Amino acid sequence: MCGIAGIIGRSGSDLDIKQMLNRIKHRGPDGLFYWNNDNIAFGHARLSIIDLSTAANQPMIDPNNGNVVIFNGEIYNYIEIRKTLEPYYSFKTNSDTEVILAAYDHYGIKFLSHLRGMFSFALFNPAINKVLLARDRFGIKPLYYRKSYNGSLLFASEIKSLINFSNRNESINQLKAFEFISDAKLDTDHQTMFEGVVQLLPAHFMWVDASGNNTTPKRYWNFPEVGDRLFDNNAKDELIAMMDEALKLHLRSDVAVGSFLSGGLDSSSITCFALRNMVQPELKTFSAVLPYFHSENSLIKEVVNSSPAISKNDFHLTGEKFFDDITQVIFHHDEPLLDGSMYTHYKLCSLAHQSGVKVLLSGSGGDEIFGGYESYIHARNARLLRSMNMYRYMKDLRNFKSQQSSNSYNNLFFKSVYECLPVNVRRKVKNLRLKNEYDFTTITTDIPHFYHASNDSYMENLLNNYRSWTAPPFLHYEDRNSMAFGVEIRVPFFDHKLIEFVLQFRPEDLVNGRSKTIIRDSFTGIVPDAVLQQKGKYGFPSPIDHHLCIDEEGRQIFFDLYKHTEFLDPKKTEQLGIDFYSGKANLVSYWRTLSYIMWYHIFFKNWNGFF
Protein backbone atom coordinates (compact mmCIF):
# COMPACT_ATOMS: atom_id res chain seq x y z
CA MET A 1 0.00 0.00 0.00
CA CYS A 2 1.50 3.27 -1.08
CA GLY A 3 1.05 6.48 -3.01
CA ILE A 4 2.06 6.99 -6.63
CA ALA A 5 2.42 10.06 -8.83
CA GLY A 6 3.77 10.72 -12.29
CA ILE A 7 4.27 13.16 -15.14
CA ILE A 8 4.21 11.81 -18.70
CA GLY A 9 5.38 14.23 -21.40
CA ARG A 10 7.49 16.54 -19.23
CA SER A 11 8.73 18.94 -21.91
CA GLY A 12 7.95 22.44 -20.63
CA SER A 13 6.04 21.09 -17.61
CA ASP A 14 5.54 23.57 -14.79
CA LEU A 15 5.25 20.77 -12.23
CA ASP A 16 7.86 18.87 -10.30
CA ILE A 17 7.31 15.24 -9.31
CA LYS A 18 8.58 15.96 -5.80
CA GLN A 19 5.88 18.60 -5.35
CA MET A 20 3.22 16.13 -6.39
CA LEU A 21 4.47 13.30 -4.19
CA ASN A 22 4.92 15.55 -1.20
CA ARG A 23 1.17 16.20 -1.20
CA ILE A 24 0.52 12.49 -0.55
CA LYS A 25 3.55 11.55 1.53
CA HIS A 26 1.19 10.42 4.32
CA ARG A 27 0.42 7.38 2.16
CA GLY A 28 4.03 6.19 2.35
CA PRO A 29 5.67 6.94 5.70
CA ASP A 30 8.49 4.46 4.97
CA GLY A 31 10.13 6.52 2.23
CA LEU A 32 9.81 8.69 -0.90
CA PHE A 33 11.56 7.53 -4.07
CA TYR A 34 11.85 8.77 -7.67
CA TRP A 35 12.79 7.79 -11.22
CA ASN A 36 12.83 9.81 -14.42
CA ASN A 37 14.02 9.99 -18.01
CA ASP A 38 13.71 12.87 -20.48
CA ASN A 39 9.94 12.54 -20.86
CA ILE A 40 8.63 10.69 -17.82
CA ALA A 41 8.90 11.12 -14.06
CA PHE A 42 7.64 8.62 -11.47
CA GLY A 43 7.33 9.09 -7.71
CA HIS A 44 6.51 6.50 -5.04
CA ALA A 45 5.66 6.90 -1.34
CA ARG A 46 6.18 3.52 0.29
CA LEU A 47 4.26 1.81 3.06
CA SER A 48 6.16 -1.44 3.67
CA ILE A 49 3.87 -4.46 4.03
CA ILE A 50 5.30 -7.25 1.83
CA ASP A 51 9.12 -7.73 1.75
CA LEU A 52 10.23 -5.00 4.14
CA SER A 53 13.74 -4.84 2.67
CA THR A 54 15.07 -1.89 0.64
CA ALA A 55 15.35 -4.25 -2.34
CA ALA A 56 11.56 -3.95 -2.68
CA ASN A 57 11.61 -0.15 -2.92
CA GLN A 58 9.95 1.50 -5.91
CA PRO A 59 10.14 2.67 -8.63
CA MET A 60 11.30 -0.86 -9.44
CA ILE A 61 13.21 -1.57 -12.65
CA ASP A 62 13.32 -4.88 -14.50
CA PRO A 63 17.05 -5.43 -15.26
CA ASN A 64 16.20 -7.66 -18.24
CA ASN A 65 14.24 -5.14 -20.30
CA GLY A 66 14.29 -1.79 -18.47
CA ASN A 67 10.55 -1.82 -17.64
CA VAL A 68 9.78 0.46 -14.68
CA VAL A 69 6.80 0.16 -12.33
CA ILE A 70 5.25 2.13 -9.47
CA PHE A 71 2.48 0.27 -7.70
CA ASN A 72 -0.10 0.94 -5.00
CA GLY A 73 -1.92 -2.02 -3.46
CA GLU A 74 -1.42 -5.73 -2.87
CA ILE A 75 -1.36 -8.72 -5.22
CA TYR A 76 -2.65 -11.41 -2.87
CA ASN A 77 -1.82 -14.34 -5.14
CA TYR A 78 1.72 -13.14 -5.80
CA ILE A 79 3.22 -16.36 -4.38
CA GLU A 80 1.23 -18.53 -6.81
CA ILE A 81 2.07 -16.30 -9.79
CA ARG A 82 5.73 -16.28 -8.78
CA LYS A 83 5.88 -20.10 -8.66
CA THR A 84 4.42 -20.27 -12.16
CA LEU A 85 6.95 -17.78 -13.52
CA GLU A 86 10.10 -18.95 -11.73
CA PRO A 87 11.20 -21.12 -14.71
CA TYR A 88 11.13 -18.00 -16.91
CA TYR A 89 12.17 -15.15 -14.61
CA SER A 90 14.99 -14.63 -12.12
CA PHE A 91 13.43 -13.00 -9.05
CA LYS A 92 15.58 -10.69 -6.92
CA THR A 93 13.05 -9.87 -4.16
CA ASN A 94 10.15 -11.44 -2.27
CA SER A 95 7.81 -8.60 -3.17
CA ASP A 96 4.53 -8.61 -5.04
CA THR A 97 5.76 -5.58 -7.01
CA GLU A 98 8.39 -7.66 -8.81
CA VAL A 99 5.69 -10.19 -9.66
CA ILE A 100 3.91 -7.45 -11.66
CA LEU A 101 7.06 -6.87 -13.72
CA ALA A 102 7.56 -10.62 -14.25
CA ALA A 103 3.92 -11.26 -15.17
CA TYR A 104 3.86 -8.39 -17.65
CA ASP A 105 7.11 -9.62 -19.21
CA HIS A 106 5.67 -13.13 -19.61
CA TYR A 107 1.98 -12.56 -20.46
CA GLY A 108 1.90 -9.05 -21.91
CA ILE A 109 -1.29 -7.08 -21.30
CA LYS A 110 -3.16 -10.32 -20.50
CA PHE A 111 -1.26 -10.41 -17.21
CA LEU A 112 -4.02 -8.26 -15.67
CA SER A 113 -6.36 -11.25 -15.68
CA HIS A 114 -3.87 -13.19 -13.51
CA LEU A 115 -3.79 -10.59 -10.71
CA ARG A 116 -5.96 -11.21 -7.66
CA GLY A 117 -5.91 -8.19 -5.42
CA MET A 118 -6.22 -4.43 -5.15
CA PHE A 119 -3.99 -2.25 -7.30
CA SER A 120 -3.33 0.84 -9.30
CA PHE A 121 -0.01 1.14 -11.09
CA ALA A 122 2.00 2.79 -13.84
CA LEU A 123 4.36 0.61 -15.88
CA PHE A 124 6.76 2.18 -18.38
CA ASN A 125 7.83 -0.01 -21.29
CA PRO A 126 10.89 1.56 -22.97
CA ALA A 127 10.64 -0.82 -25.94
CA ILE A 128 7.45 0.94 -27.09
CA ASN A 129 8.08 4.20 -25.17
CA LYS A 130 4.65 4.07 -23.50
CA VAL A 131 3.24 3.94 -19.98
CA LEU A 132 0.51 1.49 -18.97
CA LEU A 133 -1.93 2.79 -16.33
CA ALA A 134 -4.23 0.19 -14.76
CA ARG A 135 -6.65 -0.18 -11.86
CA ASP A 136 -8.12 -3.18 -10.04
CA ARG A 137 -11.50 -4.66 -10.87
CA PHE A 138 -13.51 -2.76 -8.23
CA GLY A 139 -11.52 0.42 -7.77
CA ILE A 140 -10.26 -0.49 -4.31
CA LYS A 141 -7.13 1.54 -5.05
CA PRO A 142 -7.52 5.00 -6.62
CA LEU A 143 -5.92 6.48 -9.74
CA TYR A 144 -6.63 10.00 -11.00
CA TYR A 145 -5.27 11.87 -13.98
CA ARG A 146 -5.54 15.15 -15.85
CA LYS A 147 -3.98 17.01 -18.73
CA SER A 148 -1.51 19.81 -18.02
CA TYR A 149 -1.52 23.07 -19.96
CA ASN A 150 1.41 21.91 -22.09
CA GLY A 151 -0.23 18.59 -22.99
CA SER A 152 1.56 16.37 -20.51
CA LEU A 153 -0.52 13.86 -18.55
CA LEU A 154 -0.34 13.94 -14.75
CA PHE A 155 -1.51 11.04 -12.59
CA ALA A 156 -1.62 10.32 -8.86
CA SER A 157 -3.27 8.32 -6.09
CA GLU A 158 -5.10 11.39 -4.77
CA ILE A 159 -6.62 14.46 -6.39
CA LYS A 160 -4.65 16.85 -4.19
CA SER A 161 -1.49 15.91 -6.12
CA LEU A 162 -3.05 17.27 -9.31
CA ILE A 163 -4.65 20.57 -8.26
CA ASN A 164 -3.98 24.03 -6.84
CA PHE A 165 -0.57 24.62 -8.32
CA SER A 166 0.48 28.18 -9.09
CA ASN A 167 -0.75 28.61 -12.66
CA ARG A 168 -4.10 26.78 -12.55
CA ASN A 169 -7.50 28.07 -11.49
CA GLU A 170 -9.66 25.13 -10.48
CA SER A 171 -13.36 24.87 -11.34
CA ILE A 172 -16.20 22.92 -9.78
CA ASN A 173 -17.85 20.18 -11.80
CA GLN A 174 -21.42 21.35 -11.23
CA LEU A 175 -23.05 18.09 -12.27
CA LYS A 176 -21.05 16.23 -9.65
CA ALA A 177 -21.74 18.94 -7.04
CA PHE A 178 -25.51 18.67 -7.55
CA GLU A 179 -25.30 14.88 -7.64
CA PHE A 180 -23.58 14.90 -4.24
CA ILE A 181 -25.82 17.45 -2.54
CA SER A 182 -29.13 16.14 -3.87
CA ASP A 183 -28.57 12.41 -4.28
CA ALA A 184 -25.70 11.54 -1.89
CA LYS A 185 -23.57 10.25 -4.77
CA LEU A 186 -19.79 10.33 -5.17
CA ASP A 187 -17.50 8.51 -7.62
CA THR A 188 -20.47 7.47 -9.74
CA ASP A 189 -18.40 7.49 -12.94
CA HIS A 190 -15.03 8.74 -14.24
CA GLN A 191 -15.74 12.37 -13.31
CA THR A 192 -14.77 14.07 -10.05
CA MET A 193 -15.97 17.27 -8.40
CA PHE A 194 -12.97 19.06 -9.94
CA GLU A 195 -13.47 19.98 -13.59
CA GLY A 196 -10.77 18.34 -15.70
CA VAL A 197 -9.67 15.81 -13.08
CA VAL A 198 -10.91 12.30 -13.86
CA GLN A 199 -10.37 8.82 -12.48
CA LEU A 200 -9.41 5.72 -14.37
CA LEU A 201 -12.46 3.54 -13.87
CA PRO A 202 -12.22 0.19 -12.09
CA ALA A 203 -11.26 -2.80 -14.27
CA HIS A 204 -9.78 -0.50 -16.91
CA PHE A 205 -6.35 0.19 -18.35
CA MET A 206 -4.98 2.71 -20.83
CA TRP A 207 -1.72 3.51 -22.59
CA VAL A 208 -0.01 6.92 -22.54
CA ASP A 209 2.73 7.79 -25.01
CA ALA A 210 5.84 9.77 -24.10
CA SER A 211 4.18 13.04 -25.12
CA GLY A 212 1.26 12.52 -22.73
CA ASN A 213 -1.34 11.35 -25.26
CA ASN A 214 -3.56 8.61 -23.89
CA THR A 215 -5.67 5.93 -25.51
CA THR A 216 -9.33 5.46 -24.63
CA PRO A 217 -9.48 3.42 -21.39
CA LYS A 218 -10.37 -0.23 -22.03
CA ARG A 219 -12.21 -2.66 -19.75
CA TYR A 220 -10.39 -5.93 -18.98
CA TRP A 221 -12.95 -7.58 -16.61
CA ASN A 222 -16.71 -7.58 -16.28
CA PHE A 223 -19.29 -8.99 -13.88
CA PRO A 224 -20.75 -12.34 -14.90
CA GLU A 225 -24.50 -12.43 -15.34
CA VAL A 226 -26.43 -13.59 -12.32
CA GLY A 227 -26.89 -17.37 -12.50
CA ASP A 228 -29.62 -19.91 -11.81
CA ARG A 229 -27.73 -22.45 -9.70
CA LEU A 230 -29.55 -23.74 -6.59
CA PHE A 231 -27.85 -22.86 -3.30
CA ASP A 232 -27.83 -26.26 -1.59
CA ASN A 233 -25.72 -27.90 1.15
CA ASN A 234 -22.85 -28.51 -1.25
CA ALA A 235 -22.90 -24.83 -2.13
CA LYS A 236 -22.68 -23.95 1.57
CA ASP A 237 -19.50 -25.99 1.89
CA GLU A 238 -18.09 -24.36 -1.25
CA LEU A 239 -18.89 -20.89 0.09
CA ILE A 240 -17.07 -21.60 3.35
CA ALA A 241 -14.08 -22.93 1.39
CA MET A 242 -14.09 -19.80 -0.79
CA MET A 243 -14.18 -17.59 2.29
CA ASP A 244 -11.31 -19.51 3.87
CA GLU A 245 -9.26 -19.14 0.70
CA ALA A 246 -9.99 -15.41 0.41
CA LEU A 247 -9.06 -14.78 4.04
CA LYS A 248 -5.84 -16.81 3.79
CA LEU A 249 -4.78 -14.63 0.86
CA HIS A 250 -5.81 -11.39 2.56
CA LEU A 251 -3.87 -12.34 5.69
CA ARG A 252 -0.57 -12.54 3.79
CA SER A 253 1.60 -9.86 5.30
CA ASP A 254 5.02 -9.29 6.77
CA VAL A 255 3.44 -7.12 9.49
CA ALA A 256 0.57 -7.85 11.90
CA VAL A 257 -3.01 -7.71 10.64
CA GLY A 258 -6.00 -6.37 12.62
CA SER A 259 -9.73 -6.15 11.91
CA PHE A 260 -12.67 -3.78 12.19
CA LEU A 261 -15.50 -5.16 14.33
CA SER A 262 -18.87 -3.41 14.54
CA GLY A 263 -20.99 -6.38 15.60
CA GLY A 264 -22.69 -6.47 12.20
CA LEU A 265 -22.82 -9.48 9.90
CA ASP A 266 -20.04 -8.35 7.58
CA SER A 267 -17.28 -7.27 9.95
CA SER A 268 -18.10 -10.18 12.29
CA SER A 269 -17.86 -12.70 9.45
CA ILE A 270 -14.51 -11.30 8.28
CA THR A 271 -13.19 -11.33 11.85
CA CYS A 272 -14.35 -14.91 12.49
CA PHE A 273 -12.90 -16.23 9.23
CA ALA A 274 -9.66 -14.39 9.95
CA LEU A 275 -9.46 -16.18 13.30
CA ARG A 276 -9.88 -19.52 11.47
CA ASN A 277 -7.07 -18.83 9.02
CA MET A 278 -4.49 -16.57 10.66
CA VAL A 279 -0.98 -17.67 11.65
CA GLN A 280 -0.33 -14.73 13.98
CA PRO A 281 -1.09 -15.37 17.68
CA GLU A 282 -3.43 -12.41 18.21
CA LEU A 283 -6.00 -10.43 16.24
CA LYS A 284 -6.52 -6.84 17.34
CA THR A 285 -10.06 -5.64 16.64
CA PHE A 286 -11.19 -2.02 16.44
CA SER A 287 -14.73 -0.94 17.29
CA ALA A 288 -16.60 2.37 17.51
CA VAL A 289 -18.87 2.40 20.55
CA LEU A 290 -21.68 4.87 21.19
CA PRO A 291 -22.42 6.13 24.73
CA TYR A 292 -26.01 4.83 24.54
CA PHE A 293 -27.54 1.47 23.59
CA HIS A 294 -26.94 0.49 19.98
CA SER A 295 -28.15 -2.92 18.77
CA GLU A 296 -25.11 -3.69 16.64
CA ASN A 297 -22.66 -2.46 19.30
CA SER A 298 -24.23 -4.88 21.73
CA LEU A 299 -23.20 -7.82 19.52
CA ILE A 300 -19.49 -7.01 19.53
CA LYS A 301 -19.05 -8.98 22.74
CA GLU A 302 -20.52 -12.09 21.07
CA VAL A 303 -17.58 -12.18 18.67
CA VAL A 304 -14.97 -11.08 21.20
CA ASN A 305 -16.06 -13.76 23.67
CA SER A 306 -15.88 -16.44 20.98
CA SER A 307 -12.06 -16.43 20.88
CA PRO A 308 -9.23 -15.73 23.35
CA ALA A 309 -7.08 -14.61 20.38
CA ILE A 310 -9.02 -11.34 20.06
CA SER A 311 -7.54 -8.20 21.58
CA LYS A 312 -10.36 -5.63 21.69
CA ASN A 313 -9.76 -1.90 21.09
CA ASP A 314 -12.62 0.62 21.33
CA PHE A 315 -13.11 4.22 20.32
CA HIS A 316 -15.93 5.93 22.24
CA LEU A 317 -18.09 8.13 20.02
CA THR A 318 -19.31 11.07 22.06
CA GLY A 319 -19.26 13.56 19.18
CA GLU A 320 -17.08 15.92 21.21
CA LYS A 321 -14.35 17.72 19.24
CA PHE A 322 -15.95 16.55 16.01
CA PHE A 323 -15.07 19.82 14.29
CA ASP A 324 -11.46 19.61 15.49
CA ASP A 325 -10.99 16.72 13.06
CA ILE A 326 -13.54 17.09 10.30
CA THR A 327 -11.62 19.54 8.10
CA GLN A 328 -8.64 17.17 8.16
CA VAL A 329 -10.90 14.31 7.13
CA ILE A 330 -12.34 16.29 4.21
CA PHE A 331 -8.83 17.33 3.12
CA HIS A 332 -7.73 13.70 3.03
CA HIS A 333 -10.83 12.70 1.04
CA ASP A 334 -10.43 15.48 -1.57
CA GLU A 335 -14.23 15.56 -1.85
CA PRO A 336 -17.05 16.19 0.65
CA LEU A 337 -18.15 13.52 3.14
CA LEU A 338 -21.43 11.71 2.64
CA ASP A 339 -22.14 11.03 6.31
CA GLY A 340 -20.73 10.82 9.80
CA SER A 341 -19.72 7.18 9.51
CA MET A 342 -16.69 8.35 7.50
CA TYR A 343 -15.54 10.36 10.50
CA THR A 344 -16.02 7.32 12.75
CA HIS A 345 -13.97 5.20 10.37
CA TYR A 346 -11.23 7.87 10.32
CA LYS A 347 -10.95 7.77 14.12
CA LEU A 348 -10.70 3.98 14.11
CA CYS A 349 -7.87 4.15 11.58
CA SER A 350 -6.13 6.62 13.88
CA LEU A 351 -6.60 4.20 16.79
CA ALA A 352 -5.13 1.34 14.74
CA HIS A 353 -2.10 3.48 13.89
CA GLN A 354 -1.61 4.35 17.57
CA SER A 355 -1.84 0.63 18.38
CA GLY A 356 0.94 -0.22 15.92
CA VAL A 357 -1.31 -2.01 13.41
CA LYS A 358 -0.42 -1.36 9.74
CA VAL A 359 -3.00 -3.66 8.09
CA LEU A 360 -6.75 -3.86 8.81
CA LEU A 361 -9.43 -6.19 7.46
CA SER A 362 -12.79 -4.62 6.63
CA GLY A 363 -16.26 -6.03 6.02
CA SER A 364 -16.97 -3.56 3.21
CA GLY A 365 -18.56 -5.23 0.20
CA GLY A 366 -20.67 -7.71 2.13
CA ASP A 367 -23.87 -5.81 1.39
CA GLU A 368 -23.09 -5.65 -2.32
CA ILE A 369 -22.22 -9.31 -2.80
CA PHE A 370 -24.78 -10.91 -0.45
CA GLY A 371 -27.77 -8.60 -0.92
CA GLY A 372 -27.57 -6.57 2.26
CA TYR A 373 -29.45 -3.49 1.08
CA GLU A 374 -33.22 -3.28 0.96
CA SER A 375 -32.91 -2.33 -2.72
CA TYR A 376 -31.84 -5.93 -3.39
CA ILE A 377 -35.09 -7.17 -1.90
CA HIS A 378 -37.16 -4.85 -4.10
CA ALA A 379 -35.12 -5.76 -7.19
CA ARG A 380 -35.48 -9.46 -6.48
CA ASN A 381 -39.24 -9.00 -5.92
CA ALA A 382 -39.47 -7.15 -9.24
CA ARG A 383 -37.79 -10.14 -10.84
CA LEU A 384 -40.55 -12.37 -9.43
CA LEU A 385 -43.24 -9.98 -10.64
CA ARG A 386 -41.84 -9.92 -14.15
CA SER A 387 -41.82 -13.71 -14.25
CA MET A 388 -45.39 -13.76 -12.83
CA ASN A 389 -44.28 -16.00 -9.96
CA MET A 390 -46.97 -14.55 -7.69
CA TYR A 391 -47.00 -17.38 -5.15
CA ARG A 392 -43.29 -16.94 -4.40
CA TYR A 393 -43.64 -13.16 -4.54
CA MET A 394 -46.40 -13.03 -1.89
CA LYS A 395 -44.64 -15.58 0.29
CA ASP A 396 -41.35 -13.64 0.28
CA LEU A 397 -43.14 -10.34 0.81
CA ARG A 398 -44.68 -11.72 4.01
CA ASN A 399 -41.33 -13.15 5.17
CA PHE A 400 -39.52 -9.90 4.57
CA LYS A 401 -42.23 -7.85 6.27
CA SER A 402 -42.19 -10.05 9.35
CA GLN A 403 -38.40 -10.25 9.70
CA GLN A 404 -36.90 -6.96 8.63
CA SER A 405 -39.09 -4.29 7.12
CA SER A 406 -41.04 -1.50 8.78
CA ASN A 407 -42.65 -0.71 5.41
CA SER A 408 -46.33 -1.46 4.80
CA TYR A 409 -47.32 -4.16 2.32
CA ASN A 410 -48.56 -1.44 -0.04
CA ASN A 411 -45.22 0.34 0.11
CA LEU A 412 -43.31 -2.88 -0.54
CA PHE A 413 -45.59 -3.67 -3.47
CA PHE A 414 -45.15 -0.22 -5.04
CA LYS A 415 -41.37 -0.46 -4.65
CA SER A 416 -41.44 -3.77 -6.50
CA VAL A 417 -43.50 -2.22 -9.28
CA TYR A 418 -41.18 0.80 -9.43
CA GLU A 419 -38.23 -1.52 -10.06
CA CYS A 420 -40.10 -2.94 -13.05
CA LEU A 421 -40.42 0.46 -14.75
CA PRO A 422 -38.08 1.35 -17.63
CA VAL A 423 -34.88 3.13 -16.58
CA ASN A 424 -35.77 6.36 -18.40
CA VAL A 425 -39.07 6.59 -16.49
CA ARG A 426 -37.36 6.03 -13.14
CA ARG A 427 -34.78 8.68 -14.02
CA LYS A 428 -37.52 11.22 -14.71
CA VAL A 429 -39.31 10.44 -11.45
CA LYS A 430 -36.03 10.68 -9.52
CA ASN A 431 -35.03 14.00 -11.07
CA LEU A 432 -38.42 15.61 -10.51
CA ARG A 433 -38.23 14.77 -6.81
CA LEU A 434 -34.64 15.95 -6.40
CA LYS A 435 -35.23 19.28 -8.16
CA ASN A 436 -38.18 19.97 -5.87
CA GLU A 437 -36.37 19.04 -2.68
CA TYR A 438 -32.96 20.57 -3.46
CA ASP A 439 -33.74 23.99 -4.86
CA PHE A 440 -31.11 25.85 -2.82
CA THR A 441 -28.38 25.28 -5.41
CA THR A 442 -27.90 27.90 -8.14
CA ILE A 443 -28.21 25.21 -10.81
CA THR A 444 -30.39 22.11 -10.77
CA THR A 445 -29.67 19.56 -13.44
CA ASP A 446 -30.76 16.10 -14.44
CA ILE A 447 -28.54 13.39 -13.01
CA PRO A 448 -28.30 9.87 -14.44
CA HIS A 449 -28.74 8.10 -11.04
CA PHE A 450 -29.36 4.73 -12.75
CA TYR A 451 -26.01 4.63 -14.52
CA HIS A 452 -26.28 0.97 -15.46
CA ALA A 453 -29.20 -0.85 -17.03
CA SER A 454 -29.94 -4.56 -17.38
CA ASN A 455 -32.84 -6.71 -18.49
CA ASP A 456 -32.65 -8.39 -15.08
CA SER A 457 -33.72 -6.07 -12.23
CA TYR A 458 -31.52 -7.84 -9.66
CA MET A 459 -28.45 -7.57 -11.90
CA GLU A 460 -29.22 -3.92 -12.61
CA ASN A 461 -29.39 -3.15 -8.91
CA LEU A 462 -26.15 -5.03 -8.28
CA LEU A 463 -24.30 -3.21 -11.07
CA ASN A 464 -25.46 0.19 -9.85
CA ASN A 465 -24.42 -0.58 -6.29
CA TYR A 466 -20.97 -1.83 -7.30
CA ARG A 467 -20.24 0.85 -9.87
CA SER A 468 -22.12 3.99 -8.82
CA TRP A 469 -24.16 3.93 -5.61
CA THR A 470 -22.43 2.34 -2.64
CA ALA A 471 -19.16 0.55 -3.34
CA PRO A 472 -17.27 3.49 -4.94
CA PRO A 473 -17.74 6.02 -2.10
CA PHE A 474 -17.20 3.36 0.57
CA LEU A 475 -13.95 2.20 -1.03
CA HIS A 476 -12.99 5.85 -1.34
CA TYR A 477 -13.16 6.34 2.41
CA GLU A 478 -11.60 2.96 3.20
CA ASP A 479 -8.56 4.12 1.24
CA ARG A 480 -8.33 7.79 2.28
CA ASN A 481 -8.99 7.33 5.98
CA SER A 482 -6.47 4.51 6.33
CA MET A 483 -3.82 6.18 4.19
CA ALA A 484 -4.08 9.33 6.30
CA PHE A 485 -2.34 7.30 9.02
CA GLY A 486 -0.15 4.99 6.92
CA VAL A 487 -2.50 2.04 7.47
CA GLU A 488 -3.56 -0.45 4.78
CA ILE A 489 -7.17 -1.65 4.62
CA ARG A 490 -8.01 -4.94 2.92
CA VAL A 491 -11.53 -5.84 1.79
CA PRO A 492 -11.94 -9.63 1.32
CA PHE A 493 -15.56 -9.36 0.17
CA PHE A 494 -14.23 -7.58 -2.94
CA ASP A 495 -12.24 -10.64 -3.99
CA HIS A 496 -13.30 -11.17 -7.61
CA LYS A 497 -13.16 -14.97 -7.36
CA LEU A 498 -15.56 -14.90 -4.41
CA ILE A 499 -17.92 -12.56 -6.26
CA GLU A 500 -17.87 -14.71 -9.40
CA PHE A 501 -18.71 -17.72 -7.23
CA VAL A 502 -21.67 -16.06 -5.48
CA LEU A 503 -23.16 -14.74 -8.73
CA GLN A 504 -23.65 -18.32 -9.95
CA PHE A 505 -26.69 -18.62 -7.68
CA ARG A 506 -30.32 -17.62 -8.06
CA PRO A 507 -31.25 -14.23 -6.56
CA GLU A 508 -34.21 -16.03 -4.97
CA ASP A 509 -31.68 -17.99 -2.89
CA LEU A 510 -29.31 -15.09 -2.20
CA VAL A 511 -32.16 -12.96 -0.83
CA ASN A 512 -34.75 -15.44 0.37
CA GLY A 513 -37.29 -13.34 2.26
CA ARG A 514 -34.49 -11.53 4.12
CA SER A 515 -31.13 -9.97 3.36
CA LYS A 516 -27.90 -11.98 3.19
CA THR A 517 -29.71 -15.29 3.35
CA ILE A 518 -26.81 -17.46 2.26
CA ILE A 519 -24.34 -16.22 4.86
CA ARG A 520 -26.95 -16.41 7.62
CA ASP A 521 -27.59 -20.02 6.63
CA SER A 522 -23.99 -21.03 5.87
CA PHE A 523 -21.82 -19.54 8.62
CA THR A 524 -23.48 -21.27 11.59
CA GLY A 525 -20.77 -22.52 13.95
CA ILE A 526 -18.27 -19.99 12.59
CA VAL A 527 -20.05 -16.71 13.36
CA PRO A 528 -22.07 -16.45 16.63
CA ASP A 529 -25.78 -17.19 16.18
CA ALA A 530 -26.85 -13.88 17.73
CA VAL A 531 -24.88 -12.03 15.06
CA LEU A 532 -26.25 -14.16 12.21
CA GLN A 533 -29.87 -13.69 13.28
CA GLN A 534 -29.81 -9.92 13.86
CA LYS A 535 -32.53 -8.07 11.98
CA GLY A 536 -31.34 -4.48 11.84
CA LYS A 537 -28.70 -2.91 9.61
CA TYR A 538 -26.64 -0.08 11.05
CA GLY A 539 -23.09 0.13 9.65
CA PHE A 540 -20.56 2.32 11.40
CA PRO A 541 -22.34 4.35 14.11
CA SER A 542 -22.09 8.12 13.74
CA PRO A 543 -21.96 10.96 16.27
CA ILE A 544 -23.57 13.39 13.81
CA ASP A 545 -27.17 12.31 14.36
CA HIS A 546 -27.09 13.16 18.06
CA HIS A 547 -24.51 15.95 18.14
CA LEU A 548 -24.63 18.17 15.07
CA CYS A 549 -27.81 20.04 15.99
CA ILE A 550 -26.30 21.26 19.29
CA ASP A 551 -22.74 21.93 18.10
CA GLU A 552 -22.09 25.69 18.08
CA GLU A 553 -18.91 25.41 16.03
CA GLY A 554 -20.74 23.71 13.18
CA ARG A 555 -23.47 26.35 13.31
CA GLN A 556 -20.89 29.13 13.13
CA ILE A 557 -19.06 27.55 10.18
CA PHE A 558 -22.32 27.19 8.26
CA PHE A 559 -23.53 30.75 8.77
CA ASP A 560 -20.07 32.29 8.30
CA LEU A 561 -19.30 30.58 5.01
CA TYR A 562 -22.49 29.74 3.08
CA LYS A 563 -22.73 33.22 1.46
CA HIS A 564 -19.24 32.84 0.03
CA THR A 565 -19.73 29.34 -1.39
CA GLU A 566 -20.09 28.84 -5.12
CA PHE A 567 -23.13 26.88 -6.36
CA LEU A 568 -25.34 27.69 -3.35
CA ASP A 569 -28.22 30.18 -3.44
CA PRO A 570 -27.52 32.40 -0.37
CA LYS A 571 -31.12 33.11 0.62
CA LYS A 572 -32.38 29.54 0.28
CA THR A 573 -29.27 28.06 1.89
CA GLU A 574 -29.66 30.40 4.86
CA GLN A 575 -33.24 29.16 5.26
CA LEU A 576 -31.99 25.56 5.21
CA GLY A 577 -29.73 26.38 8.19
CA ILE A 578 -32.47 28.20 10.05
CA ASP A 579 -34.88 25.32 9.50
CA PHE A 580 -32.32 22.75 10.63
CA TYR A 581 -31.53 24.47 13.91
CA SER A 582 -35.24 24.95 14.60
CA GLY A 583 -35.84 21.23 14.07
CA LYS A 584 -37.63 21.49 10.72
CA ALA A 585 -35.01 20.48 8.13
CA ASN A 586 -33.66 17.08 7.25
CA LEU A 587 -30.34 16.34 8.98
CA VAL A 588 -28.96 14.47 5.96
CA SER A 589 -29.58 17.40 3.58
CA TYR A 590 -28.10 19.87 6.03
CA TRP A 591 -25.01 17.75 6.67
CA ARG A 592 -24.22 17.26 2.99
CA THR A 593 -24.57 21.00 2.44
CA LEU A 594 -22.29 21.82 5.38
CA SER A 595 -19.79 19.22 4.19
CA TYR A 596 -19.86 20.75 0.70
CA ILE A 597 -19.31 24.23 2.16
CA MET A 598 -16.24 23.09 4.11
CA TRP A 599 -14.87 21.20 1.11
CA TYR A 600 -15.27 24.23 -1.15
CA HIS A 601 -13.43 26.54 1.23
CA ILE A 602 -10.61 24.05 1.87
CA PHE A 603 -9.88 23.43 -1.82
CA PHE A 604 -10.93 26.69 -3.48
CA LYS A 605 -10.28 29.30 -0.79
CA ASN A 606 -7.40 27.61 1.10
CA TRP A 607 -9.43 27.68 4.30
CA ASN A 608 -7.25 26.61 7.26
CA GLY A 609 -4.14 26.76 5.06
CA PHE A 610 -3.99 23.21 3.72
CA PHE A 611 -2.39 24.45 0.50
Foldseek 3Di string as FASTA:
>chain_A
DWKKKKKFACVVNPDDRVLLCVLQLLLAVPDKDWDDDPQMIMIIRHQAKWFNDPQPDDQDADPVQGKTKHKDWAQLCLVVLCVVQVVPDDDDTRGSVVSVVSLCVPPPPVSLVVTWTFMWMWMAGVVQQKIKTAGAQQCLFWKKWFADPQGMIIMIRDCVSPDDDDPDAWDFPLQQLLCCLQPVWAQLDQDHRIPGMGTQAHQWMWMAHNNHDIDDIDHDDDADAFAADACDPVNLVVLLVLLLVLLLSQCDTPFHEEEEAQQAPQRLLSVLSNVVRHPDQAHEYEYEAEPDDDPSNVNRVVSPVVDPRYDYDYDYDQVPCVVVCQLVLLSLLLAFDQDQLLVVLLVRLVVCLVVVAQEYEYRPQLCLQLVVDVQLVLLLLLQCVVVVVVVQSVVLLVLLCVFADPDDSVVSVVSNVLLNDDLVVNQVVSLVVSCVVPVQFPDRDRDSLQPDDDPRSNVSVSCSCSNIHPVPVVSSSQPSSNSSNNHHYGYSSPGVVSSNSSSNHDSCCSQVSATRNSCLVSCPVSRDNVNSRDHDDDRRDGNCVPPVLPDPVLLCLQVVQPVVAHRGRVVVSVVQSVCVNVPRHDSSSNSSSSSNRSSCCVRNVVVPPSD
